[in-house]
C-alpha atoms as a PDB file:
ATOM      1  CA  MET A   1     -27.121  15.176  52.719  1.00  0.00           C
ATOM      2  CA  THR A   2     -29.299  13.626  55.479  1.00  0.00           C
ATOM      3  CA  ASP A   3     -30.928  10.012  54.760  1.00  0.00           C
ATOM      4  CA  PRO A   4     -34.274  10.211  53.775  1.00  0.00           C
ATOM      5  CA  THR A   5     -36.958   9.496  56.235  1.00  0.00           C
ATOM      6  CA  PRO A   6     -39.241   6.569  56.042  1.00  0.00           C
ATOM      7  CA  GLU A   7     -41.940   8.670  54.878  1.00  0.00           C
ATOM      8  CA  GLU A   8     -40.014   9.950  52.280  1.00  0.00           C
ATOM      9  CA  ASN A   9     -38.839   6.741  51.268  1.00  0.00           C
ATOM     10  CA  LEU A  10     -42.489   5.580  51.141  1.00  0.00           C
ATOM     11  CA  GLU A  11     -43.337   8.621  49.012  1.00  0.00           C
ATOM     12  CA  GLN A  12     -40.574   7.807  46.385  1.00  0.00           C
ATOM     13  CA  ALA A  13     -41.583   4.445  45.940  1.00  0.00           C
ATOM     14  CA  ARG A  14     -44.825   5.414  45.354  1.00  0.00           C
ATOM     15  CA  LEU A  15     -43.996   7.956  42.824  1.00  0.00           C
ATOM     16  CA  ILE A  16     -41.643   5.013  41.017  1.00  0.00           C
ATOM     17  CA  GLY A  17     -44.960   2.943  41.242  1.00  0.00           C
ATOM     18  CA  ARG A  18     -47.175   5.609  39.500  1.00  0.00           C
ATOM     19  CA  LEU A  19     -43.938   6.197  36.788  1.00  0.00           C
ATOM     20  CA  GLY A  20     -43.872   2.426  36.168  1.00  0.00           C
ATOM     21  CA  ASN A  21     -47.585   2.189  35.787  1.00  0.00           C
ATOM     22  CA  ALA A  22     -47.694   5.210  33.454  1.00  0.00           C
ATOM     23  CA  LEU A  23     -44.824   4.158  31.402  1.00  0.00           C
ATOM     24  CA  GLY A  24     -46.314   0.700  30.750  1.00  0.00           C
ATOM     25  CA  ALA A  25     -49.472   2.294  29.497  1.00  0.00           C
ATOM     26  CA  ALA A  26     -47.566   4.902  27.401  1.00  0.00           C
ATOM     27  CA  THR A  27     -45.099   2.641  25.640  1.00  0.00           C
ATOM     28  CA  LEU A  28     -47.834   0.167  24.741  1.00  0.00           C
ATOM     29  CA  PRO A  29     -47.669   0.845  20.794  1.00  0.00           C
ATOM     30  CA  LEU A  30     -45.172  -0.988  18.893  1.00  0.00           C
ATOM     31  CA  SER A  31     -42.775   0.758  16.247  1.00  0.00           C
ATOM     32  CA  LEU A  32     -44.485   2.406  13.377  1.00  0.00           C
ATOM     33  CA  ALA A  33     -43.643  -0.027  10.743  1.00  0.00           C
ATOM     34  CA  GLU A  34     -44.801  -3.180  13.340  1.00  0.00           C
ATOM     35  CA  GLU A  35     -48.036  -1.328  13.729  1.00  0.00           C
ATOM     36  CA  VAL A  36     -48.451  -0.699  10.062  1.00  0.00           C
ATOM     37  CA  HIS A  37     -47.698  -4.318   9.115  1.00  0.00           C
ATOM     38  CA  ALA A  38     -50.170  -5.659  11.490  1.00  0.00           C
ATOM     39  CA  THR A  39     -52.666  -3.539  10.003  1.00  0.00           C
ATOM     40  CA  LEU A  40     -51.699  -4.707   6.491  1.00  0.00           C
ATOM     41  CA  VAL A  41     -51.826  -8.462   7.584  1.00  0.00           C
ATOM     42  CA  ALA A  42     -55.352  -7.929   8.641  1.00  0.00           C
ATOM     43  CA  VAL A  43     -56.375  -6.093   5.385  1.00  0.00           C
ATOM     44  CA  ARG A  44     -54.926  -8.725   3.194  1.00  0.00           C
ATOM     45  CA  GLY A  45     -57.005 -11.219   5.092  1.00  0.00           C
ATOM     46  CA  LEU A  46     -60.229  -9.142   4.946  1.00  0.00           C
ATOM     47  CA  PHE A  47     -59.804  -9.029   1.281  1.00  0.00           C
ATOM     48  CA  ARG A  48     -58.327 -12.311   0.616  1.00  0.00           C
ATOM     49  CA  ALA A  49     -55.680 -10.593  -1.433  1.00  0.00           C
ATOM     50  CA  ALA A  50     -52.579 -11.709  -3.001  1.00  0.00           C
ATOM     51  CA  ALA A  51     -50.437  -8.686  -1.300  1.00  0.00           C
ATOM     52  CA  CYS A  52     -50.899  -5.297   0.728  1.00  0.00           C
ATOM     53  CA  SER A  53     -48.509  -2.411   0.891  1.00  0.00           C
ATOM     54  CA  PHE A  54     -48.129   1.186   2.420  1.00  0.00           C
ATOM     55  CA  ALA A  55     -46.066   3.908   1.043  1.00  0.00           C
ATOM     56  CA  GLN A  56     -45.496   6.696   3.201  1.00  0.00           C
ATOM     57  CA  VAL A  57     -44.754  10.273   2.068  1.00  0.00           C
ATOM     58  CA  GLU A  58     -41.393  11.366   2.622  1.00  0.00           C
ATOM     59  CA  PRO A  59     -40.706  14.615   4.594  1.00  0.00           C
ATOM     60  CA  ASP A  60     -39.848  16.540   1.298  1.00  0.00           C
ATOM     61  CA  GLY A  61     -43.543  15.760   0.054  1.00  0.00           C
ATOM     62  CA  ALA A  62     -42.153  14.806  -3.378  1.00  0.00           C
ATOM     63  CA  ASN A  63     -41.568  11.105  -2.868  1.00  0.00           C
ATOM     64  CA  LEU A  64     -43.416   8.206  -1.567  1.00  0.00           C
ATOM     65  CA  ARG A  65     -41.473   5.384   0.350  1.00  0.00           C
ATOM     66  CA  PHE A  66     -42.878   1.648   0.936  1.00  0.00           C
ATOM     67  CA  VAL A  67     -42.416   1.241   4.461  1.00  0.00           C
ATOM     68  CA  ALA A  68     -44.262  -1.915   5.304  1.00  0.00           C
ATOM     69  CA  ALA A  69     -46.075  -4.745   3.036  1.00  0.00           C
ATOM     70  CA  ASP A  70     -47.439  -8.083   3.605  1.00  0.00           C
ATOM     71  CA  GLY A  71     -47.800 -10.831   0.860  1.00  0.00           C
ATOM     72  CA  ALA A  72     -46.600 -11.657  -2.548  1.00  0.00           C
ATOM     73  CA  GLY A  73     -43.324  -9.536  -3.359  1.00  0.00           C
ATOM     74  CA  ALA A  74     -43.419  -7.763   0.099  1.00  0.00           C
ATOM     75  CA  ALA A  75     -39.758  -8.108   0.996  1.00  0.00           C
ATOM     76  CA  ALA A  76     -38.504  -6.746  -2.330  1.00  0.00           C
ATOM     77  CA  ILE A  77     -41.202  -3.580  -2.170  1.00  0.00           C
ATOM     78  CA  ILE A  78     -40.065  -2.374   1.233  1.00  0.00           C
ATOM     79  CA  GLY A  79     -37.618   0.356   1.035  1.00  0.00           C
ATOM     80  CA  VAL A  80     -38.571   1.387  -2.578  1.00  0.00           C
ATOM     81  CA  THR A  81     -39.020   5.054  -3.198  1.00  0.00           C
ATOM     82  CA  LEU A  82     -40.670   6.680  -6.200  1.00  0.00           C
ATOM     83  CA  PRO A  83     -41.970  10.286  -6.806  1.00  0.00           C
ATOM     84  CA  VAL A  84     -45.404  11.159  -6.296  1.00  0.00           C
ATOM     85  CA  SER A  85     -45.579  11.635 -10.043  1.00  0.00           C
ATOM     86  CA  ARG A  86     -45.247   7.867 -10.545  1.00  0.00           C
ATOM     87  CA  GLY A  87     -47.549   4.849 -10.248  1.00  0.00           C
ATOM     88  CA  VAL A  88     -50.782   4.212  -8.801  1.00  0.00           C
ATOM     89  CA  VAL A  89     -49.826   5.097  -5.321  1.00  0.00           C
ATOM     90  CA  GLY A  90     -48.524   8.665  -6.455  1.00  0.00           C
ATOM     91  CA  TRP A  91     -51.728   9.358  -8.582  1.00  0.00           C
ATOM     92  CA  VAL A  92     -53.627   8.470  -5.356  1.00  0.00           C
ATOM     93  CA  ALA A  93     -51.257  10.847  -3.301  1.00  0.00           C
ATOM     94  CA  LEU A  94     -51.554  13.681  -5.772  1.00  0.00           C
ATOM     95  CA  SER A  95     -55.619  13.326  -6.069  1.00  0.00           C
ATOM     96  CA  GLY A  96     -56.428  12.214  -2.587  1.00  0.00           C
ATOM     97  CA  GLU A  97     -58.944   9.820  -3.823  1.00  0.00           C
ATOM     98  CA  PRO A  98     -59.000   6.240  -3.701  1.00  0.00           C
ATOM     99  CA  ILE A  99     -59.230   3.976  -6.779  1.00  0.00           C
ATOM    100  CA  GLN A 100     -59.967   0.595  -8.232  1.00  0.00           C
ATOM    101  CA  ILE A 101     -58.125  -0.564 -11.338  1.00  0.00           C
ATOM    102  CA  SER A 102     -59.673  -3.925 -12.414  1.00  0.00           C
ATOM    103  CA  ASP A 103     -57.043  -4.414 -15.478  1.00  0.00           C
ATOM    104  CA  VAL A 104     -53.671  -2.719 -14.524  1.00  0.00           C
ATOM    105  CA  ALA A 105     -52.024  -3.890 -17.891  1.00  0.00           C
ATOM    106  CA  THR A 106     -54.500  -1.408 -19.843  1.00  0.00           C
ATOM    107  CA  ASP A 107     -53.902   1.509 -17.163  1.00  0.00           C
ATOM    108  CA  SER A 108     -50.846   4.201 -17.969  1.00  0.00           C
ATOM    109  CA  ARG A 109     -50.671   4.962 -14.012  1.00  0.00           C
ATOM    110  CA  PHE A 110     -49.510   1.503 -13.411  1.00  0.00           C
ATOM    111  CA  ALA A 111     -45.598   1.417 -12.719  1.00  0.00           C
ATOM    112  CA  ARG A 112     -44.932  -2.018 -14.321  1.00  0.00           C
ATOM    113  CA  ASP A 113     -41.127  -1.827 -13.893  1.00  0.00           C
ATOM    114  CA  ILE A 114     -41.523  -1.423  -9.893  1.00  0.00           C
ATOM    115  CA  ALA A 115     -43.960  -4.490  -9.776  1.00  0.00           C
ATOM    116  CA  GLU A 116     -41.877  -6.354 -11.958  1.00  0.00           C
ATOM    117  CA  ALA A 117     -38.777  -5.599  -9.666  1.00  0.00           C
ATOM    118  CA  THR A 118     -40.677  -7.717  -6.755  1.00  0.00           C
ATOM    119  CA  ASP A 119     -41.539 -10.628  -9.120  1.00  0.00           C
ATOM    120  CA  TYR A 120     -45.170 -10.015  -8.660  1.00  0.00           C
ATOM    121  CA  VAL A 121     -47.021  -8.207 -11.151  1.00  0.00           C
ATOM    122  CA  PRO A 122     -50.968  -8.003 -10.209  1.00  0.00           C
ATOM    123  CA  SER A 123     -53.899  -7.784 -12.192  1.00  0.00           C
ATOM    124  CA  THR A 124     -56.239  -5.742  -9.987  1.00  0.00           C
ATOM    125  CA  ILE A 125     -55.233  -2.963  -7.514  1.00  0.00           C
ATOM    126  CA  LEU A 126     -57.202  -1.078  -4.860  1.00  0.00           C
ATOM    127  CA  ALA A 127     -55.744   1.959  -3.362  1.00  0.00           C
ATOM    128  CA  ALA A 128     -56.697   4.665  -0.933  1.00  0.00           C
ATOM    129  CA  PRO A 129     -55.009   7.841   0.403  1.00  0.00           C
ATOM    130  CA  VAL A 130     -54.194   7.652   4.047  1.00  0.00           C
ATOM    131  CA  ILE A 131     -55.179  11.158   5.363  1.00  0.00           C
ATOM    132  CA  ASP A 132     -55.331  11.980   9.061  1.00  0.00           C
ATOM    133  CA  THR A 133     -57.989  13.994  10.998  1.00  0.00           C
ATOM    134  CA  HIS A 134     -55.934  17.392  10.107  1.00  0.00           C
ATOM    135  CA  GLY A 135     -56.190  16.713   6.753  1.00  0.00           C
ATOM    136  CA  GLU A 136     -52.521  15.886   6.153  1.00  0.00           C
ATOM    137  CA  LEU A 137     -51.446  12.912   3.818  1.00  0.00           C
ATOM    138  CA  ALA A 138     -49.673  10.256   5.407  1.00  0.00           C
ATOM    139  CA  GLY A 139     -49.219   7.986   2.796  1.00  0.00           C
ATOM    140  CA  VAL A 140     -51.068   5.704   0.219  1.00  0.00           C
ATOM    141  CA  ILE A 141     -52.459   1.847   1.033  1.00  0.00           C
ATOM    142  CA  GLU A 142     -52.724  -0.634  -1.560  1.00  0.00           C
ATOM    143  CA  VAL A 143     -54.501  -3.984  -1.882  1.00  0.00           C
ATOM    144  CA  LEU A 144     -53.102  -6.021  -4.907  1.00  0.00           C
ATOM    145  CA  ASP A 145     -55.444  -8.762  -6.483  1.00  0.00           C
ATOM    146  CA  PRO A 146     -58.171  -8.727  -3.850  1.00  0.00           C
ATOM    147  CA  GLN A 147     -61.020 -11.377  -4.341  1.00  0.00           C
ATOM    148  CA  ALA A 148     -64.073 -10.061  -5.415  1.00  0.00           C
ATOM    149  CA  ARG A 149     -66.583  -9.525  -2.303  1.00  0.00           C
ATOM    150  CA  GLY A 150     -69.815  -8.530  -4.130  1.00  0.00           C
ATOM    151  CA  THR A 151     -71.080  -7.222  -7.054  1.00  0.00           C
ATOM    152  CA  ASP A 152     -71.250  -3.347  -5.698  1.00  0.00           C
ATOM    153  CA  SER A 153     -67.879  -2.285  -7.224  1.00  0.00           C
ATOM    154  CA  GLY A 154     -67.841   0.811  -4.318  1.00  0.00           C
ATOM    155  CA  HIS A 155     -68.102  -1.645  -1.628  1.00  0.00           C
ATOM    156  CA  ASP A 156     -64.500  -2.507  -1.442  1.00  0.00           C
ATOM    157  CA  LEU A 157     -63.235   1.159  -1.765  1.00  0.00           C
ATOM    158  CA  ALA A 158     -65.705   2.308   0.883  1.00  0.00           C
ATOM    159  CA  VAL A 159     -64.261  -0.596   3.271  1.00  0.00           C
ATOM    160  CA  LEU A 160     -60.588   0.353   2.080  1.00  0.00           C
ATOM    161  CA  GLY A 161     -61.261   4.071   2.965  1.00  0.00           C
ATOM    162  CA  LEU A 162     -62.378   3.080   6.447  1.00  0.00           C
ATOM    163  CA  VAL A 163     -59.164   1.040   7.108  1.00  0.00           C
ATOM    164  CA  ALA A 164     -57.310   3.984   5.820  1.00  0.00           C
ATOM    165  CA  ALA A 165     -58.660   6.316   8.157  1.00  0.00           C
ATOM    166  CA  GLN A 166     -57.923   4.038  11.016  1.00  0.00           C
ATOM    167  CA  LEU A 167     -54.299   3.656   9.757  1.00  0.00           C
ATOM    168  CA  ALA A 168     -53.982   7.408   9.873  1.00  0.00           C
ATOM    169  CA  THR A 169     -54.453   7.150  13.497  1.00  0.00           C
ATOM    170  CA  VAL A 170     -52.339   4.613  14.270  1.00  0.00           C
ATOM    171  CA  ILE A 171     -49.247   6.645  12.274  1.00  0.00           C
ATOM    172  CA  ARG A 172     -50.353   9.859  14.075  1.00  0.00           C
ATOM    173  CA  LEU A 173     -50.178   8.154  17.580  1.00  0.00           C
ATOM    174  CA  ALA A 174     -46.700   6.566  16.688  1.00  0.00           C
ATOM    175  CA  ALA A 175     -45.571   9.909  15.996  1.00  0.00           C
ATOM    176  CA  GLN A 176     -46.980  11.523  19.039  1.00  0.00           C
ATOM    177  CA  TYR A 177     -45.489   8.689  21.282  1.00  0.00           C
ATOM    178  CA  GLU A 178     -42.325   9.651  19.579  1.00  0.00           C
ATOM    179  CA  ALA A 179     -42.858  13.215  20.389  1.00  0.00           C
ATOM    180  CA  LEU A 180     -43.359  12.352  24.031  1.00  0.00           C
ATOM    181  CA  GLY A 181     -40.126  10.316  24.325  1.00  0.00           C
ATOM    182  CA  THR A 182     -38.303  13.232  22.840  1.00  0.00           C
ATOM    183  CA  GLY A 183     -39.758  15.924  25.245  1.00  0.00           C
ATOM    184  CA  LEU A 184     -38.903  13.710  28.208  1.00  0.00           C
ATOM    185  CA  LEU A 185     -35.265  13.117  27.077  1.00  0.00           C
ATOM    186  CA  ARG A 186     -34.709  16.761  26.358  1.00  0.00           C
ATOM    187  CA  SER A 187     -36.309  17.709  29.536  1.00  0.00           C
ATOM    188  CA  LEU A 188     -33.556  15.326  31.031  1.00  0.00           C
ATOM    189  CA  VAL A 189     -30.717  16.848  29.225  1.00  0.00           C
ATOM    190  CA  ASP A 190     -31.693  20.385  30.112  1.00  0.00           C
ATOM    191  CA  PRO A 191     -34.378  20.430  32.826  1.00  0.00           C
ATOM    192  CA  GLY A 192     -34.344  24.326  32.835  1.00  0.00           C
ATOM    193  CA  ALA A 193     -35.196  24.496  29.255  1.00  0.00           C
ATOM    194  CA  GLU A 194     -38.075  26.765  28.997  1.00  0.00           C
ATOM    195  CA  GLY A 195     -41.292  25.145  27.576  1.00  0.00           C
ATOM    196  CA  VAL A 196     -39.730  22.011  26.124  1.00  0.00           C
ATOM    197  CA  PHE A 197     -41.423  19.407  28.227  1.00  0.00           C
ATOM    198  CA  ASP A 198     -44.399  21.630  28.454  1.00  0.00           C
ATOM    199  CA  ASP A 199     -44.690  22.074  24.835  1.00  0.00           C
ATOM    200  CA  ALA A 200     -44.533  18.437  23.702  1.00  0.00           C
ATOM    201  CA  LEU A 201     -47.066  17.521  26.292  1.00  0.00           C
ATOM    202  CA  ALA A 202     -49.570  20.265  25.321  1.00  0.00           C
ATOM    203  CA  ALA A 203     -49.325  18.866  21.321  1.00  0.00           C
ATOM    204  CA  LEU A 204     -49.965  15.472  22.507  1.00  0.00           C
ATOM    205  CA  SER A 205     -52.734  16.335  24.595  1.00  0.00           C
ATOM    206  CA  ALA A 206     -54.273  18.374  22.146  1.00  0.00           C
ATOM    207  CA  ALA A 207     -53.774  15.617  19.573  1.00  0.00           C
ATOM    208  CA  ALA A 208     -54.683  12.546  21.538  1.00  0.00           C
ATOM    209  CA  PRO A 209     -56.079  13.391  24.958  1.00  0.00           C
ATOM    210  CA  GLY A 210     -55.562  10.307  27.316  1.00  0.00           C
ATOM    211  CA  ALA A 211     -54.833   9.526  30.646  1.00  0.00           C
ATOM    212  CA  ALA A 212     -51.547   7.270  29.895  1.00  0.00           C
ATOM    213  CA  LEU A 213     -50.158  10.546  28.390  1.00  0.00           C
ATOM    214  CA  ASN A 214     -51.094  12.660  31.382  1.00  0.00           C
ATOM    215  CA  ASP A 215     -50.073   9.930  34.115  1.00  0.00           C
ATOM    216  CA  VAL A 216     -46.559   9.398  32.762  1.00  0.00           C
ATOM    217  CA  ALA A 217     -45.970  13.008  32.420  1.00  0.00           C
ATOM    218  CA  ALA A 218     -47.105  13.867  36.125  1.00  0.00           C
ATOM    219  CA  ALA A 219     -45.018  10.731  37.547  1.00  0.00           C
ATOM    220  CA  PHE A 220     -42.217  11.484  35.604  1.00  0.00           C
ATOM    221  CA  ARG A 221     -42.132  15.087  36.926  1.00  0.00           C
ATOM    222  CA  ASP A 222     -43.012  14.513  40.316  1.00  0.00           C
ATOM    223  CA  LEU A 223     -40.130  11.608  40.610  1.00  0.00           C
ATOM    224  CA  ALA A 224     -37.647  13.690  38.747  1.00  0.00           C
ATOM    225  CA  THR A 225     -38.080  16.868  40.995  1.00  0.00           C
ATOM    226  CA  SER A 226     -38.592  15.001  44.377  1.00  0.00           C
ATOM    227  CA  ASP A 227     -34.714  15.033  44.971  1.00  0.00           C
ATOM    228  CA  PRO A 228     -31.425  14.608  43.281  1.00  0.00           C
ATOM    229  CA  ALA A 229     -31.096  11.032  43.840  1.00  0.00           C
ATOM    230  CA  ALA A 230     -34.616  10.551  42.470  1.00  0.00           C
ATOM    231  CA  SER A 231     -33.949  12.518  39.698  1.00  0.00           C
ATOM    232  CA  THR A 232     -31.098  10.301  38.746  1.00  0.00           C
ATOM    233  CA  LEU A 233     -33.306   7.432  39.163  1.00  0.00           C
ATOM    234  CA  ALA A 234     -35.833   8.836  36.912  1.00  0.00           C
ATOM    235  CA  ALA A 235     -33.069   9.246  34.095  1.00  0.00           C
ATOM    236  CA  ARG A 236     -31.968   5.959  34.509  1.00  0.00           C
ATOM    237  CA  ILE A 237     -35.647   4.367  34.356  1.00  0.00           C
ATOM    238  CA  LEU A 238     -36.456   6.556  31.045  1.00  0.00           C
ATOM    239  CA  GLY A 239     -32.764   5.563  29.575  1.00  0.00           C
ATOM    240  CA  GLU A 240     -33.711   1.996  29.894  1.00  0.00           C
ATOM    241  CA  VAL A 241     -37.076   2.381  28.517  1.00  0.00           C
ATOM    242  CA  ALA A 242     -35.568   4.117  25.295  1.00  0.00           C
ATOM    243  CA  ASP A 243     -33.044   1.413  25.108  1.00  0.00           C
ATOM    244  CA  PHE A 244     -35.933  -1.100  25.176  1.00  0.00           C
ATOM    245  CA  ALA A 245     -37.947   1.007  22.405  1.00  0.00           C
ATOM    246  CA  ARG A 246     -34.861   1.173  20.277  1.00  0.00           C
ATOM    247  CA  GLN A 247     -34.355  -2.648  20.223  1.00  0.00           C
ATOM    248  CA  ARG A 248     -37.790  -3.091  19.118  1.00  0.00           C
ATOM    249  CA  ARG A 249     -37.723  -0.739  16.093  1.00  0.00           C
END
């Protein structure tokens, strides 16, 4: 193997720089739990509520699992799973409609045992479905004991609906970045695999077009195919990024 020429070294350095810049942009999102929690903190502050939580639809579609929460009872509710046939979140998930319950003690949909297990039983609940732009239900966001914001009872539900739409976008983007990482890793393991990388990139571009995704794909492809040494370097860079991402989850 001949040593690379100064021009080839310069080109490789340029490709590495592009990959670094692209990865910096494409790995900005935090883990899904952190992103959702940050949203819940903001929502709780907006409504001056005692607590706020998000229950995500499980892959089987039959259950909801609380994956993030903030405020009273937050630590206890995270990880709790219940069927979609139970609780206020279950009703919202099945109906696809937001709801405001001013007195949960008189509402049969309220799962009191779940609330009591967290050592916080609310009096009032606002809840809204989190539905993405494709009409798929991602989960349900709940606000417990919000302080009154006005005389219009529909105002709070409208505001929560807007927040839920934004949260759906956050969840979808998190899944897309995960898919991008999976596609890149598979392309490293089996560079000859037909369509693995391109299919992942096409799905991402269709769902969330953006310069960051295109840049990281182009930079990685160019670096990985420039020569064997560069391909090894690309694999090491991506592996380190993957390790860093796992540590943050």
